[in-house]
Amino acid sequence: NAMVNVLNLLRDAGAGRKPYTFVDEARRKRAANAVKRGTDCILRTQVKEDGVLTAWCAQHDENTLEPAWARNFEPPSLSGGESVGVVRFLMGIDHPGPEVIAAVEGAVKWFKAVEIHGLRVDNSPGKDGKRDRHTVADPGAPVEWARFYELGTNRPIYVGRDRVIRYDFNEIERERRTGYNYVGDWPAKLLEKDYPRWRERNALP
């Protein structure tokens, strides 16, 4: 969320909101212009699949803007985690234009399409008594999302430090299973509360 956090700061500074009321007018203008450029970059990096807007990768190439590798366990993919912050940033735009509205609507539809049902993250210790984490089948589990979805298929993918893409969370090494959140409920509040309020605030049909 590094870029989104910076853009939120610049947006507040550009508008002279607290605690950035000390920022002079020249810097406010520079900040506001940076936000416009950043927003344009966000709209350009939203991944389209078969002409349909989806979400964003956790990182994009600085030249091509295509989804890109970051650390070995962060592959080119669609992000069920970082995309939430991007959508919230776009929802914070006053009087959004058609492009911004389409971006939000496309991402929300994607979040709903890739929900994971019947799977629970179990933090029980391993047989050796040490900390561990697995996913287990559970029909009563709340909706979850994967951190990474495969480009073109929307299958949840899990990658350890070996950079090998796997489709079963339990197959990656323990150090990554317990040291990184590959499954979570990141979009839940966005879908349940933030998105309906955004549509109401902007009088969308």
N, C-alpha and C. Protein backbone atom coordinates (compact mmCIF):
# COMPACT_ATOMS: atom_id res chain seq x y z
N ASN A 1 0.81 -1.22 0.00
CA ASN A 1 0.00 0.00 0.00
C ASN A 1 0.84 1.27 0.00
N ALA A 2 2.12 1.17 -0.29
CA ALA A 2 3.02 2.32 -0.19
C ALA A 2 2.55 3.49 -1.06
N MET A 3 2.24 3.22 -2.32
CA MET A 3 1.86 4.30 -3.23
C MET A 3 0.52 4.92 -2.84
N VAL A 4 -0.42 4.09 -2.44
CA VAL A 4 -1.73 4.61 -2.03
C VAL A 4 -1.60 5.47 -0.78
N ASN A 5 -0.77 5.05 0.16
CA ASN A 5 -0.57 5.85 1.36
C ASN A 5 0.04 7.20 1.04
N VAL A 6 0.99 7.23 0.12
CA VAL A 6 1.60 8.49 -0.30
C VAL A 6 0.56 9.38 -0.98
N LEU A 7 -0.25 8.79 -1.85
CA LEU A 7 -1.27 9.57 -2.55
C LEU A 7 -2.30 10.14 -1.58
N ASN A 8 -2.67 9.36 -0.58
CA ASN A 8 -3.61 9.89 0.42
C ASN A 8 -3.01 11.08 1.16
N LEU A 9 -1.74 10.98 1.51
CA LEU A 9 -1.06 12.09 2.18
C LEU A 9 -1.03 13.32 1.27
N LEU A 10 -0.66 13.12 0.01
CA LEU A 10 -0.58 14.24 -0.92
C LEU A 10 -1.95 14.86 -1.17
N ARG A 11 -2.99 14.03 -1.20
CA ARG A 11 -4.34 14.55 -1.41
C ARG A 11 -4.75 15.45 -0.24
N ASP A 12 -4.47 14.99 0.97
CA ASP A 12 -4.79 15.81 2.15
C ASP A 12 -3.98 17.10 2.17
N ALA A 13 -2.70 16.99 1.82
CA ALA A 13 -1.85 18.18 1.81
C ALA A 13 -2.30 19.16 0.73
N GLY A 14 -2.64 18.63 -0.43
CA GLY A 14 -3.08 19.48 -1.52
C GLY A 14 -4.37 20.21 -1.22
N ALA A 15 -5.22 19.59 -0.41
CA ALA A 15 -6.49 20.21 -0.03
C ALA A 15 -6.37 21.07 1.22
N GLY A 16 -5.18 21.08 1.82
CA GLY A 16 -4.99 21.87 3.03
C GLY A 16 -5.70 21.31 4.25
N ARG A 17 -5.93 20.01 4.25
CA ARG A 17 -6.61 19.40 5.39
C ARG A 17 -5.65 19.23 6.57
N LYS A 18 -6.23 19.19 7.77
CA LYS A 18 -5.42 18.93 8.95
C LYS A 18 -4.81 17.54 8.84
N PRO A 19 -3.58 17.34 9.28
CA PRO A 19 -2.68 18.29 9.95
C PRO A 19 -1.75 19.02 8.99
N TYR A 20 -2.15 19.18 7.74
CA TYR A 20 -1.25 19.76 6.73
C TYR A 20 -1.61 21.20 6.38
N THR A 21 -2.27 21.89 7.30
CA THR A 21 -2.65 23.29 7.04
C THR A 21 -1.43 24.20 6.93
N PHE A 22 -0.27 23.74 7.39
CA PHE A 22 0.96 24.55 7.31
C PHE A 22 1.54 24.57 5.91
N VAL A 23 1.07 23.69 5.02
CA VAL A 23 1.65 23.60 3.67
C VAL A 23 1.27 24.83 2.86
N ASP A 24 2.26 25.48 2.25
CA ASP A 24 2.00 26.71 1.49
C ASP A 24 1.30 26.41 0.17
N GLU A 25 0.77 27.44 -0.45
CA GLU A 25 -0.07 27.29 -1.65
C GLU A 25 0.69 26.65 -2.81
N ALA A 26 1.94 27.01 -2.99
CA ALA A 26 2.72 26.45 -4.10
C ALA A 26 2.87 24.94 -3.95
N ARG A 27 3.16 24.51 -2.73
CA ARG A 27 3.32 23.07 -2.51
C ARG A 27 1.97 22.35 -2.57
N ARG A 28 0.93 23.02 -2.18
CA ARG A 28 -0.41 22.42 -2.30
C ARG A 28 -0.72 22.11 -3.76
N LYS A 29 -0.39 23.05 -4.63
CA LYS A 29 -0.64 22.85 -6.05
C LYS A 29 0.18 21.69 -6.59
N ARG A 30 1.45 21.62 -6.17
CA ARG A 30 2.32 20.51 -6.60
C ARG A 30 1.77 19.18 -6.11
N ALA A 31 1.29 19.17 -4.87
CA ALA A 31 0.74 17.93 -4.31
C ALA A 31 -0.50 17.51 -5.07
N ALA A 32 -1.39 18.46 -5.35
CA ALA A 32 -2.63 18.15 -6.07
C ALA A 32 -2.33 17.63 -7.47
N ASN A 33 -1.32 18.21 -8.12
CA ASN A 33 -0.94 17.75 -9.45
C ASN A 33 -0.36 16.35 -9.41
N ALA A 34 0.40 16.04 -8.36
CA ALA A 34 0.95 14.70 -8.20
C ALA A 34 -0.16 13.67 -8.01
N VAL A 35 -1.20 14.05 -7.28
CA VAL A 35 -2.34 13.15 -7.09
C VAL A 35 -3.05 12.87 -8.41
N LYS A 36 -3.19 13.89 -9.24
CA LYS A 36 -3.82 13.69 -10.55
C LYS A 36 -3.00 12.70 -11.38
N ARG A 37 -1.67 12.86 -11.38
CA ARG A 37 -0.81 11.95 -12.14
C ARG A 37 -0.86 10.54 -11.56
N GLY A 38 -0.89 10.46 -10.22
CA GLY A 38 -0.97 9.15 -9.58
C GLY A 38 -2.28 8.44 -9.88
N THR A 39 -3.36 9.21 -9.88
CA THR A 39 -4.67 8.63 -10.20
C THR A 39 -4.70 8.12 -11.63
N ASP A 40 -4.10 8.88 -12.54
CA ASP A 40 -4.02 8.44 -13.94
C ASP A 40 -3.24 7.13 -14.05
N CYS A 41 -2.17 7.01 -13.27
CA CYS A 41 -1.37 5.78 -13.29
C CYS A 41 -2.18 4.60 -12.76
N ILE A 42 -2.95 4.84 -11.70
CA ILE A 42 -3.80 3.78 -11.15
C ILE A 42 -4.80 3.30 -12.20
N LEU A 43 -5.42 4.22 -12.89
CA LEU A 43 -6.41 3.83 -13.90
C LEU A 43 -5.75 3.07 -15.05
N ARG A 44 -4.53 3.42 -15.38
CA ARG A 44 -3.81 2.76 -16.47
C ARG A 44 -3.31 1.38 -16.09
N THR A 45 -3.07 1.16 -14.80
CA THR A 45 -2.53 -0.13 -14.39
C THR A 45 -3.61 -1.15 -14.03
N GLN A 46 -4.85 -0.73 -13.94
CA GLN A 46 -5.91 -1.71 -13.64
C GLN A 46 -5.94 -2.75 -14.75
N VAL A 47 -5.85 -4.00 -14.35
CA VAL A 47 -5.73 -5.09 -15.33
C VAL A 47 -7.07 -5.38 -15.99
N LYS A 48 -7.03 -5.48 -17.31
CA LYS A 48 -8.21 -5.88 -18.08
C LYS A 48 -8.02 -7.31 -18.56
N GLU A 49 -9.04 -8.12 -18.38
CA GLU A 49 -9.01 -9.49 -18.90
C GLU A 49 -10.22 -9.68 -19.80
N ASP A 50 -9.95 -9.98 -21.06
CA ASP A 50 -11.02 -10.08 -22.07
C ASP A 50 -11.84 -8.81 -22.12
N GLY A 51 -11.16 -7.68 -21.98
CA GLY A 51 -11.82 -6.38 -22.06
C GLY A 51 -12.56 -5.95 -20.80
N VAL A 52 -12.47 -6.75 -19.75
CA VAL A 52 -13.20 -6.46 -18.51
C VAL A 52 -12.22 -5.99 -17.44
N LEU A 53 -12.54 -4.88 -16.79
CA LEU A 53 -11.69 -4.36 -15.71
C LEU A 53 -11.75 -5.29 -14.51
N THR A 54 -10.58 -5.57 -13.93
CA THR A 54 -10.53 -6.45 -12.76
C THR A 54 -9.92 -5.70 -11.58
N ALA A 55 -8.68 -6.02 -11.23
CA ALA A 55 -8.04 -5.41 -10.07
C ALA A 55 -6.61 -5.01 -10.44
N TRP A 56 -5.75 -4.96 -9.43
CA TRP A 56 -4.37 -4.53 -9.63
C TRP A 56 -3.42 -5.58 -9.09
N CYS A 57 -2.21 -5.56 -9.61
CA CYS A 57 -1.16 -6.38 -9.04
C CYS A 57 -0.62 -5.65 -7.80
N ALA A 58 0.01 -6.38 -6.91
CA ALA A 58 0.62 -5.72 -5.75
C ALA A 58 1.75 -4.78 -6.20
N GLN A 59 2.29 -5.01 -7.39
CA GLN A 59 3.33 -4.16 -7.93
C GLN A 59 3.30 -4.22 -9.46
N HIS A 60 3.66 -3.10 -10.06
CA HIS A 60 3.65 -3.01 -11.53
C HIS A 60 5.00 -2.50 -12.01
N ASP A 61 5.40 -2.94 -13.19
CA ASP A 61 6.65 -2.49 -13.78
C ASP A 61 6.61 -0.99 -14.02
N GLU A 62 7.67 -0.29 -13.65
CA GLU A 62 7.67 1.17 -13.73
C GLU A 62 7.70 1.69 -15.16
N ASN A 63 8.05 0.85 -16.12
CA ASN A 63 8.10 1.28 -17.51
C ASN A 63 6.91 0.80 -18.32
N THR A 64 6.60 -0.49 -18.23
CA THR A 64 5.50 -1.05 -19.02
C THR A 64 4.15 -0.96 -18.32
N LEU A 65 4.18 -0.78 -16.99
CA LEU A 65 2.98 -0.77 -16.14
C LEU A 65 2.31 -2.14 -16.02
N GLU A 66 2.96 -3.17 -16.54
CA GLU A 66 2.41 -4.52 -16.45
C GLU A 66 2.65 -5.10 -15.05
N PRO A 67 1.81 -6.07 -14.63
CA PRO A 67 2.06 -6.74 -13.36
C PRO A 67 3.47 -7.30 -13.33
N ALA A 68 4.13 -7.19 -12.16
CA ALA A 68 5.54 -7.55 -12.08
C ALA A 68 5.86 -8.27 -10.77
N TRP A 69 6.96 -9.01 -10.78
CA TRP A 69 7.46 -9.61 -9.56
C TRP A 69 7.93 -8.53 -8.60
N ALA A 70 7.77 -8.78 -7.31
CA ALA A 70 8.46 -8.00 -6.28
C ALA A 70 9.40 -8.97 -5.58
N ARG A 71 9.11 -9.31 -4.30
CA ARG A 71 9.91 -10.34 -3.65
C ARG A 71 9.57 -11.70 -4.25
N ASN A 72 10.37 -12.70 -3.94
CA ASN A 72 10.20 -14.03 -4.55
C ASN A 72 8.82 -14.63 -4.31
N PHE A 73 8.16 -14.24 -3.24
CA PHE A 73 6.84 -14.79 -2.93
C PHE A 73 5.73 -13.83 -3.31
N GLU A 74 6.03 -12.83 -4.14
CA GLU A 74 5.04 -11.84 -4.60
C GLU A 74 5.06 -11.78 -6.13
N PRO A 75 4.33 -12.69 -6.78
CA PRO A 75 4.41 -12.84 -8.23
C PRO A 75 3.50 -11.87 -8.98
N PRO A 76 3.72 -11.72 -10.28
CA PRO A 76 2.74 -11.00 -11.11
C PRO A 76 1.39 -11.69 -10.96
N SER A 77 0.39 -10.96 -10.59
CA SER A 77 -0.90 -11.57 -10.25
C SER A 77 -1.92 -10.46 -10.03
N LEU A 78 -3.14 -10.86 -9.69
CA LEU A 78 -4.15 -9.90 -9.24
C LEU A 78 -4.22 -9.99 -7.73
N SER A 79 -4.21 -8.86 -7.08
CA SER A 79 -4.12 -8.84 -5.63
C SER A 79 -5.48 -8.67 -4.95
N GLY A 80 -5.81 -9.65 -4.10
CA GLY A 80 -7.01 -9.54 -3.29
C GLY A 80 -6.79 -8.71 -2.06
N GLY A 81 -5.54 -8.31 -1.81
CA GLY A 81 -5.20 -7.50 -0.66
C GLY A 81 -4.97 -6.05 -1.03
N GLU A 82 -3.88 -5.78 -1.75
CA GLU A 82 -3.51 -4.40 -2.07
C GLU A 82 -4.55 -3.68 -2.92
N SER A 83 -5.33 -4.42 -3.70
CA SER A 83 -6.35 -3.77 -4.53
C SER A 83 -7.41 -3.07 -3.69
N VAL A 84 -7.61 -3.52 -2.46
CA VAL A 84 -8.59 -2.89 -1.58
C VAL A 84 -8.20 -1.45 -1.29
N GLY A 85 -6.92 -1.23 -0.98
CA GLY A 85 -6.46 0.13 -0.72
C GLY A 85 -6.59 1.03 -1.94
N VAL A 86 -6.34 0.46 -3.11
CA VAL A 86 -6.49 1.23 -4.35
C VAL A 86 -7.94 1.66 -4.55
N VAL A 87 -8.86 0.73 -4.34
CA VAL A 87 -10.28 1.05 -4.52
C VAL A 87 -10.72 2.12 -3.50
N ARG A 88 -10.26 1.99 -2.27
CA ARG A 88 -10.63 3.00 -1.26
C ARG A 88 -10.09 4.38 -1.65
N PHE A 89 -8.89 4.41 -2.21
CA PHE A 89 -8.36 5.70 -2.68
C PHE A 89 -9.26 6.29 -3.76
N LEU A 90 -9.65 5.46 -4.72
CA LEU A 90 -10.52 5.96 -5.79
C LEU A 90 -11.88 6.40 -5.26
N MET A 91 -12.39 5.69 -4.25
CA MET A 91 -13.66 6.08 -3.65
C MET A 91 -13.57 7.42 -2.92
N GLY A 92 -12.36 7.82 -2.57
CA GLY A 92 -12.17 9.09 -1.88
C GLY A 92 -12.12 10.29 -2.81
N ILE A 93 -12.24 10.07 -4.10
CA ILE A 93 -12.22 11.17 -5.07
C ILE A 93 -13.59 11.85 -5.10
N ASP A 94 -13.60 13.16 -4.91
CA ASP A 94 -14.85 13.91 -4.96
C ASP A 94 -15.33 14.03 -6.41
N HIS A 95 -16.61 13.88 -6.60
CA HIS A 95 -17.23 14.00 -7.93
C HIS A 95 -16.48 13.15 -8.96
N PRO A 96 -16.41 11.84 -8.75
CA PRO A 96 -15.66 10.96 -9.66
C PRO A 96 -16.23 10.97 -11.07
N GLY A 97 -15.32 10.92 -12.05
CA GLY A 97 -15.74 10.86 -13.44
C GLY A 97 -16.03 9.43 -13.85
N PRO A 98 -16.46 9.24 -15.09
CA PRO A 98 -16.82 7.90 -15.59
C PRO A 98 -15.70 6.87 -15.47
N GLU A 99 -14.44 7.30 -15.70
CA GLU A 99 -13.33 6.36 -15.63
C GLU A 99 -13.13 5.82 -14.21
N VAL A 100 -13.23 6.71 -13.25
CA VAL A 100 -13.04 6.31 -11.85
C VAL A 100 -14.19 5.41 -11.41
N ILE A 101 -15.40 5.78 -11.78
CA ILE A 101 -16.56 4.96 -11.42
C ILE A 101 -16.44 3.56 -12.04
N ALA A 102 -16.03 3.51 -13.29
CA ALA A 102 -15.88 2.21 -13.96
C ALA A 102 -14.80 1.38 -13.28
N ALA A 103 -13.72 2.03 -12.84
CA ALA A 103 -12.63 1.32 -12.18
C ALA A 103 -13.11 0.70 -10.87
N VAL A 104 -13.85 1.47 -10.09
CA VAL A 104 -14.37 0.96 -8.81
C VAL A 104 -15.36 -0.18 -9.06
N GLU A 105 -16.29 0.03 -9.97
CA GLU A 105 -17.30 -1.00 -10.24
C GLU A 105 -16.66 -2.29 -10.75
N GLY A 106 -15.66 -2.14 -11.62
CA GLY A 106 -14.98 -3.32 -12.15
C GLY A 106 -14.27 -4.11 -11.06
N ALA A 107 -13.60 -3.38 -10.16
CA ALA A 107 -12.88 -4.05 -9.08
C ALA A 107 -13.84 -4.74 -8.11
N VAL A 108 -14.95 -4.08 -7.79
CA VAL A 108 -15.93 -4.67 -6.87
C VAL A 108 -16.51 -5.95 -7.46
N LYS A 109 -16.83 -5.93 -8.73
CA LYS A 109 -17.35 -7.14 -9.38
C LYS A 109 -16.31 -8.26 -9.32
N TRP A 110 -15.05 -7.88 -9.50
CA TRP A 110 -13.99 -8.89 -9.45
C TRP A 110 -13.87 -9.47 -8.05
N PHE A 111 -13.89 -8.61 -7.02
CA PHE A 111 -13.83 -9.11 -5.64
C PHE A 111 -14.93 -10.13 -5.37
N LYS A 112 -16.13 -9.82 -5.85
CA LYS A 112 -17.25 -10.73 -5.62
C LYS A 112 -17.07 -12.04 -6.39
N ALA A 113 -16.45 -11.95 -7.56
CA ALA A 113 -16.31 -13.15 -8.40
C ALA A 113 -15.25 -14.10 -7.88
N VAL A 114 -14.29 -13.60 -7.09
CA VAL A 114 -13.18 -14.46 -6.66
C VAL A 114 -13.24 -14.80 -5.16
N GLU A 115 -14.41 -14.64 -4.56
CA GLU A 115 -14.58 -15.02 -3.16
C GLU A 115 -14.22 -16.49 -2.95
N ILE A 116 -13.63 -16.78 -1.81
CA ILE A 116 -13.30 -18.17 -1.45
C ILE A 116 -14.26 -18.61 -0.35
N HIS A 117 -15.00 -19.67 -0.62
CA HIS A 117 -15.96 -20.20 0.34
C HIS A 117 -15.51 -21.58 0.82
N GLY A 118 -15.87 -21.90 2.05
CA GLY A 118 -15.63 -23.25 2.56
C GLY A 118 -14.19 -23.54 2.93
N LEU A 119 -13.40 -22.50 3.17
CA LEU A 119 -12.00 -22.70 3.51
C LEU A 119 -11.65 -21.84 4.72
N ARG A 120 -10.98 -22.43 5.68
CA ARG A 120 -10.63 -21.72 6.91
C ARG A 120 -9.12 -21.82 7.16
N VAL A 121 -8.57 -20.73 7.66
CA VAL A 121 -7.16 -20.73 8.04
C VAL A 121 -7.05 -21.23 9.47
N ASP A 122 -6.30 -22.32 9.65
CA ASP A 122 -6.13 -22.94 10.97
C ASP A 122 -4.72 -22.64 11.49
N ASN A 123 -4.66 -21.99 12.64
CA ASN A 123 -3.37 -21.60 13.22
C ASN A 123 -2.88 -22.58 14.28
N SER A 124 -3.37 -23.80 14.25
CA SER A 124 -2.95 -24.79 15.25
C SER A 124 -1.47 -25.12 15.08
N PRO A 125 -0.78 -25.40 16.19
CA PRO A 125 0.64 -25.78 16.10
C PRO A 125 0.81 -27.08 15.32
N GLY A 126 2.01 -27.28 14.77
CA GLY A 126 2.32 -28.51 14.07
C GLY A 126 2.53 -29.66 15.04
N LYS A 127 2.79 -30.84 14.50
CA LYS A 127 3.00 -32.02 15.34
C LYS A 127 4.20 -31.87 16.27
N ASP A 128 5.13 -30.99 15.90
CA ASP A 128 6.30 -30.76 16.73
C ASP A 128 6.05 -29.70 17.81
N GLY A 129 4.81 -29.20 17.84
CA GLY A 129 4.46 -28.21 18.85
C GLY A 129 4.82 -26.78 18.48
N LYS A 130 5.46 -26.60 17.33
CA LYS A 130 5.86 -25.26 16.90
C LYS A 130 4.74 -24.59 16.09
N ARG A 131 4.82 -23.28 16.03
CA ARG A 131 3.81 -22.49 15.32
C ARG A 131 3.65 -22.97 13.88
N ASP A 132 2.40 -23.05 13.45
CA ASP A 132 2.14 -23.46 12.07
C ASP A 132 0.81 -22.87 11.62
N ARG A 133 0.55 -23.01 10.35
CA ARG A 133 -0.70 -22.49 9.78
C ARG A 133 -1.04 -23.29 8.55
N HIS A 134 -2.29 -23.71 8.45
CA HIS A 134 -2.78 -24.46 7.28
C HIS A 134 -4.16 -23.96 6.91
N THR A 135 -4.58 -24.29 5.71
CA THR A 135 -5.98 -24.08 5.34
C THR A 135 -6.68 -25.43 5.40
N VAL A 136 -7.91 -25.42 5.91
CA VAL A 136 -8.70 -26.64 6.04
C VAL A 136 -10.11 -26.40 5.51
N ALA A 137 -10.71 -27.44 5.01
CA ALA A 137 -12.09 -27.33 4.52
C ALA A 137 -13.03 -27.08 5.70
N ASP A 138 -13.94 -26.11 5.52
CA ASP A 138 -14.91 -25.79 6.57
C ASP A 138 -16.10 -25.11 5.90
N PRO A 139 -17.22 -25.85 5.73
CA PRO A 139 -18.39 -25.27 5.06
C PRO A 139 -18.93 -24.03 5.76
N GLY A 140 -18.67 -23.89 7.06
CA GLY A 140 -19.19 -22.75 7.80
C GLY A 140 -18.23 -21.58 7.91
N ALA A 141 -17.11 -21.66 7.21
CA ALA A 141 -16.10 -20.60 7.31
C ALA A 141 -16.59 -19.32 6.65
N PRO A 142 -16.20 -18.16 7.18
CA PRO A 142 -16.55 -16.89 6.52
C PRO A 142 -15.84 -16.75 5.19
N VAL A 143 -16.34 -15.86 4.36
CA VAL A 143 -15.74 -15.63 3.05
C VAL A 143 -14.31 -15.11 3.22
N GLU A 144 -13.42 -15.63 2.41
CA GLU A 144 -12.03 -15.18 2.41
C GLU A 144 -11.61 -14.84 0.99
N TRP A 145 -10.45 -14.22 0.88
CA TRP A 145 -9.86 -13.92 -0.43
C TRP A 145 -8.40 -14.30 -0.39
N ALA A 146 -7.86 -14.65 -1.54
CA ALA A 146 -6.43 -14.92 -1.64
C ALA A 146 -5.68 -13.61 -1.82
N ARG A 147 -4.44 -13.61 -1.35
CA ARG A 147 -3.59 -12.43 -1.56
C ARG A 147 -3.26 -12.30 -3.04
N PHE A 148 -3.08 -13.45 -3.71
CA PHE A 148 -2.70 -13.43 -5.12
C PHE A 148 -3.59 -14.36 -5.94
N TYR A 149 -4.02 -13.86 -7.10
CA TYR A 149 -4.80 -14.65 -8.05
C TYR A 149 -4.05 -14.71 -9.37
N GLU A 150 -4.06 -15.88 -9.97
CA GLU A 150 -3.34 -16.10 -11.22
C GLU A 150 -3.95 -15.27 -12.34
N LEU A 151 -3.10 -14.60 -13.08
CA LEU A 151 -3.56 -13.83 -14.23
C LEU A 151 -4.16 -14.75 -15.27
N GLY A 152 -5.32 -14.41 -15.76
CA GLY A 152 -5.97 -15.18 -16.81
C GLY A 152 -6.90 -16.27 -16.33
N THR A 153 -6.70 -16.77 -15.10
CA THR A 153 -7.56 -17.85 -14.59
C THR A 153 -8.29 -17.48 -13.30
N ASN A 154 -7.77 -16.49 -12.57
CA ASN A 154 -8.31 -16.09 -11.27
C ASN A 154 -8.21 -17.20 -10.22
N ARG A 155 -7.33 -18.16 -10.42
CA ARG A 155 -7.11 -19.19 -9.40
C ARG A 155 -6.21 -18.63 -8.30
N PRO A 156 -6.56 -18.87 -7.03
CA PRO A 156 -5.66 -18.46 -5.95
C PRO A 156 -4.30 -19.15 -6.11
N ILE A 157 -3.24 -18.41 -5.93
CA ILE A 157 -1.90 -18.98 -6.03
C ILE A 157 -1.09 -18.63 -4.78
N TYR A 158 -0.15 -19.52 -4.47
CA TYR A 158 0.66 -19.37 -3.27
C TYR A 158 2.12 -19.62 -3.65
N VAL A 159 2.98 -18.73 -3.26
CA VAL A 159 4.38 -18.81 -3.67
C VAL A 159 5.28 -18.64 -2.46
N GLY A 160 6.19 -19.60 -2.26
CA GLY A 160 7.17 -19.49 -1.19
C GLY A 160 8.41 -18.78 -1.68
N ARG A 161 9.45 -18.84 -0.87
CA ARG A 161 10.70 -18.16 -1.24
C ARG A 161 11.39 -18.82 -2.43
N ASP A 162 10.91 -20.00 -2.82
CA ASP A 162 11.52 -20.68 -3.97
C ASP A 162 10.98 -20.17 -5.29
N ARG A 163 10.00 -19.24 -5.22
CA ARG A 163 9.46 -18.60 -6.44
C ARG A 163 8.61 -19.55 -7.28
N VAL A 164 8.23 -20.70 -6.73
CA VAL A 164 7.43 -21.68 -7.46
C VAL A 164 5.95 -21.45 -7.15
N ILE A 165 5.16 -21.29 -8.18
CA ILE A 165 3.73 -21.05 -8.00
C ILE A 165 3.02 -22.36 -7.70
N ARG A 166 2.24 -22.35 -6.62
CA ARG A 166 1.46 -23.52 -6.21
C ARG A 166 0.01 -23.11 -6.02
N TYR A 167 -0.87 -24.09 -6.07
CA TYR A 167 -2.30 -23.82 -5.95
C TYR A 167 -2.87 -24.29 -4.61
N ASP A 168 -2.01 -24.81 -3.77
CA ASP A 168 -2.41 -25.27 -2.45
C ASP A 168 -1.53 -24.57 -1.41
N PHE A 169 -2.17 -23.79 -0.56
CA PHE A 169 -1.44 -23.04 0.47
C PHE A 169 -0.57 -23.96 1.33
N ASN A 170 -1.08 -25.15 1.60
CA ASN A 170 -0.39 -26.06 2.51
C ASN A 170 0.91 -26.62 1.93
N GLU A 171 1.17 -26.38 0.65
CA GLU A 171 2.37 -26.91 0.02
C GLU A 171 3.58 -25.97 0.13
N ILE A 172 3.36 -24.73 0.55
CA ILE A 172 4.52 -23.84 0.69
C ILE A 172 5.16 -24.05 2.06
N GLU A 173 6.38 -23.58 2.21
CA GLU A 173 7.14 -23.86 3.42
C GLU A 173 6.52 -23.19 4.65
N ARG A 174 6.78 -23.79 5.79
CA ARG A 174 6.19 -23.31 7.05
C ARG A 174 6.57 -21.85 7.32
N GLU A 175 7.80 -21.50 7.05
CA GLU A 175 8.26 -20.14 7.33
C GLU A 175 7.40 -19.09 6.62
N ARG A 176 6.98 -19.39 5.40
CA ARG A 176 6.12 -18.46 4.67
C ARG A 176 4.65 -18.63 5.11
N ARG A 177 4.21 -19.84 5.38
CA ARG A 177 2.83 -20.04 5.84
C ARG A 177 2.55 -19.21 7.08
N THR A 178 3.54 -19.16 7.98
CA THR A 178 3.34 -18.45 9.24
C THR A 178 3.83 -17.01 9.20
N GLY A 179 4.58 -16.65 8.17
CA GLY A 179 5.20 -15.33 8.14
C GLY A 179 4.61 -14.36 7.15
N TYR A 180 3.52 -14.75 6.48
CA TYR A 180 2.95 -13.88 5.44
C TYR A 180 1.48 -14.22 5.30
N ASN A 181 0.66 -13.22 5.08
CA ASN A 181 -0.78 -13.47 4.97
C ASN A 181 -1.18 -13.69 3.52
N TYR A 182 -1.37 -14.95 3.17
CA TYR A 182 -1.76 -15.31 1.81
C TYR A 182 -3.28 -15.37 1.65
N VAL A 183 -3.99 -15.44 2.76
CA VAL A 183 -5.45 -15.52 2.75
C VAL A 183 -5.98 -14.55 3.80
N GLY A 184 -7.03 -13.80 3.45
CA GLY A 184 -7.58 -12.85 4.41
C GLY A 184 -8.93 -12.34 3.99
N ASP A 185 -9.50 -11.45 4.82
CA ASP A 185 -10.83 -10.91 4.53
C ASP A 185 -10.76 -9.44 4.11
N TRP A 186 -9.66 -9.05 3.49
CA TRP A 186 -9.40 -7.64 3.16
C TRP A 186 -10.58 -6.90 2.51
N PRO A 187 -11.27 -7.46 1.52
CA PRO A 187 -12.35 -6.70 0.87
C PRO A 187 -13.68 -6.72 1.63
N ALA A 188 -13.79 -7.45 2.73
CA ALA A 188 -15.09 -7.67 3.36
C ALA A 188 -15.78 -6.36 3.73
N LYS A 189 -15.12 -5.48 4.48
CA LYS A 189 -15.73 -4.22 4.91
C LYS A 189 -15.98 -3.31 3.71
N LEU A 190 -15.08 -3.36 2.75
CA LEU A 190 -15.25 -2.55 1.54
C LEU A 190 -16.56 -2.90 0.85
N LEU A 191 -16.82 -4.20 0.68
CA LEU A 191 -18.02 -4.63 -0.03
C LEU A 191 -19.28 -4.42 0.80
N GLU A 192 -19.16 -4.66 2.09
CA GLU A 192 -20.34 -4.61 2.96
C GLU A 192 -20.77 -3.18 3.29
N LYS A 193 -19.80 -2.29 3.51
CA LYS A 193 -20.15 -0.95 3.99
C LYS A 193 -19.67 0.18 3.08
N ASP A 194 -18.39 0.17 2.75
CA ASP A 194 -17.81 1.30 2.02
C ASP A 194 -18.41 1.48 0.63
N TYR A 195 -18.54 0.39 -0.10
CA TYR A 195 -19.04 0.47 -1.47
C TYR A 195 -20.49 0.96 -1.53
N PRO A 196 -21.42 0.41 -0.73
CA PRO A 196 -22.79 0.94 -0.76
C PRO A 196 -22.85 2.43 -0.39
N ARG A 197 -22.06 2.85 0.59
CA ARG A 197 -22.04 4.27 0.98
C ARG A 197 -21.51 5.14 -0.15
N TRP A 198 -20.49 4.64 -0.84
CA TRP A 198 -19.92 5.38 -1.98
C TRP A 198 -20.95 5.56 -3.08
N ARG A 199 -21.67 4.50 -3.39
CA ARG A 199 -22.70 4.61 -4.43
C ARG A 199 -23.81 5.58 -4.00
N GLU A 200 -24.19 5.53 -2.76
CA GLU A 200 -25.23 6.44 -2.27
C GLU A 200 -24.74 7.89 -2.28
N ARG A 201 -23.51 8.09 -1.85
CA ARG A 201 -22.95 9.45 -1.79
C ARG A 201 -22.87 10.08 -3.18
N ASN A 202 -22.62 9.26 -4.18
CA ASN A 202 -22.49 9.77 -5.56
C ASN A 202 -23.76 9.58 -6.38
N ALA A 203 -24.84 9.20 -5.69
CA ALA A 203 -26.16 9.08 -6.33
C ALA A 203 -26.10 8.22 -7.58
N LEU A 204 -25.42 7.07 -7.47
CA LEU A 204 -25.32 6.17 -8.61
C LEU A 204 -26.54 5.28 -8.68
N PRO A 205 -27.07 5.03 -9.87
CA PRO A 205 -28.29 4.22 -9.99
C PRO A 205 -28.05 2.75 -9.64
